[in-house]
Amino acid sequence: MRKQTYTVTMATFAYIGFLILPVIILFFIILRYSGKTNDLPWNWPIIGMLPMILTHFHRLADRCTEFLESSGGTFIVKGLWFTNTDLIFTSDPVNVHHIFSSNFSMYPKGIGWKKRFDVFGNTLFNSDFEEWKNHKVFFRGYLSHRRFHELLPKIFEDSMKKKLIPSLEHVSKQDIPVDFASLLKGYIFYISCRLATGCDACSSFPVSFHENLFSNAIMHACEAIFSRHIFPESIWKLQKWLGIGKEGKLRDAWITIDNVLAEQISLKRKEVSDRMAEEDIDFNALELHLSRHKLLGPISVSNGLIRDNMLGLMFATQDTTSTALSWFFWLLSRHPAVEKRIREEIQEYFPENGETKWLAYGAKELDKMVYLHAALCETLRLFPPVPFQTRTPLQNDTLPSGHRINRGQNILICTYAMGRMTSVWGEDCREFKPERWITHDGGIKHEPAHKFFAFNAGPRICPGKDVGFTLLKGIASAIIHNYHVKVVENHPVIHQSSIVLHMKHGLMVAVKKRWP
C-alpha cells in the first residue's frame, strides 16, 4: 500500500513538474529577450511587453533609454491585450515640440492623468483647459510680484542662518557621514513651507536629521503614481480597494499629507481673519488664498483648492530642487576638476575677508557665475527631477516621426532619455561636460525647451524656472564655498522607480569644512 501511495505521489509530482517546466523555460526565455540591449523588447501574445517592464522595473528609465536609442527616438510599448494600455514612448525633440507647443491644445494631460495623480487634487500641474489657465495666471502673478521678490531673499537668508549652515557645521565637526539627499530635502522643505504657508514647520531640523513625515509621504505617493503608469487601472484599483502594496502606502501618505496641511491652514486662518488691510498680508500663497487676494482672479477658493495649491507649491519647490542638488553634488564628487573650476569662479565673487558664507538671494554675483550655471544645466540634462511626462490626444494624429496616435492613447515623453540621446546631444551625450553649455564668447548657450526639457516646454513651461535656478545657484555656491562634500566610498547611488528621480539609497557623504 505504501509503495502504491509513493508511486501515485511521484506520478503527481512528475505531472506537476511536466506542467510547470514549460512555464519555467518560458520565463527564462522572457528574461533573456527582455535583457537584450540592442533590440526592442519582445512583444508576446496576450501579455505584450509586460515581462520587460516587470523584469526591468527597478531600472526602467535606463532600459527605455536604450530602446529609444535603438528605435530612433520613438517606439510603442505593447500592453496586455484588451486593456488599452499600449504606450508610445518618445524622446524625439521634434515630437515634443509638436505635442507641447505647436499642437498644445490637442494634447491635454487628460482624465487618466488626474486619476493617477489624484492625491494632488486640482492644483496647477494637475489641471487642463480653463482651470489650468486660471491657475497659471495666479502662479505667474504670484512668482513675479514685487512683494514675492522682497520676501524670498529674507526667507533665503533666514534659512541659511538657521538651517543649512548650522546643519553642515554640526556634521563637519562631528565628522560623521550624513545622508545629503535627506539633509537637502529637509532644508528645502523649510523654504517650501515658508513660501506656501508662512509656517516654520520643521523647527527641529537640523538637530536630529529626522525623516520628515511629509517628505516621506510625498515619496510614497510618487512611487505609487509611477506604478499606476505601468500597470492597468484595474490592477492598481484592486490594490487600492484591498489597501495593499504601494496603494496601501499611498493611502497612509494621503492621510499624512492632509493632516500636515490642515494643521498649517488652521494656524493661519485666524491671523488672516483679524487683518483688514491688504498690505498687512504676509505674502505667502496660503494667506493670499485665505484673504481672497485679487491675484486669484476668477478662481473660486474652497478648502479643497487651498489644500491642493499648497501641496502643489510645496511639492514643486521641495522635491525638484532637492533632487537636482543631490545629483549635482554626486556628479561633482565624481568630477573633481569641475568642482575645482566652480570653486575658482565662486571665489572671484566672495569678499576676501572669508567671513561671508553665502551670497544674498538674487545677488548680481550669482548671475555672473557662468560655469556654475552650466554645471547645473548639465546636471538637469542627465538627471531631470521629473524623468517623464504623459499626454493624451483629443483626436487621432500623426507625430512628425511618422507614428500614428489614436484618440485617448497615452504618450510618454521620456525626459530622462532625451538628455542621453546621441542623435540629440552627440556622441558624448552620456558624459558630464558643463562646457557644452558655454558659448565661444563665455556666455550661457541657449537650448530650446523641447530639447532641454527639464522645465517642460510651450505654454506649460515651468513658471518658477528663474526662481528655481537662482535658488540652485545660491545654495550650491554657499555649500561649495564653505565645505567639501565627498560621497562615501562604495555607497550605491541609483535612482528610485518614481515620478521624481529620487536617489533610492540616499546620498551618504562626508562633509569637511574648508575654513577654520
Foldseek 3Di string as FASTA:
>chain_A
DVVVVVVVVVVVVVVVCVVCVVVVVVLVVQVVQLPDQQEDGDQDPQAGRLSNCVVCVFPVLVSVLSHCQNVVFWDWGDGGPPQLLIAIEGLDLQLQCVDCAPPPLQWDQDPLQCVLLVLLPQAQVNDDDPSNVLNVLLVLCLCPPPLNVVVLLVLVVVLCVQADVVLLVVQQVVQFWDQQLLSLLLSLLQVLCCQAQNDRPPNVPPPPSDRDLLVVLVVLSQLSSLVPSSDRPVVVVVCLVVLDDSNVSNVVSSVVLVVVLVVSLVVCLVVLVPDDDPVVFNSHNSSCLSNVPCSSPPDDRDPSHSSSHSVVSSCVRRQQLSQLVQLLLVVCQVPVVLLVVLLVLLVVPDDPVPPDLFDGQPDPSLVVSASLLLLSLLSCLQAQQQQKGKIFGQAWDAGPVGDTHHHGRIYIYGSNSLQQHCVQQNPCSNDRDSVVQADPVGHGRDDACSRSVSQHHHPNGNSCVVVSSSVNSRVVSSQSNFKRKHFDPPDDFAFGSGSTRHTPRGTIIGIHTPDD
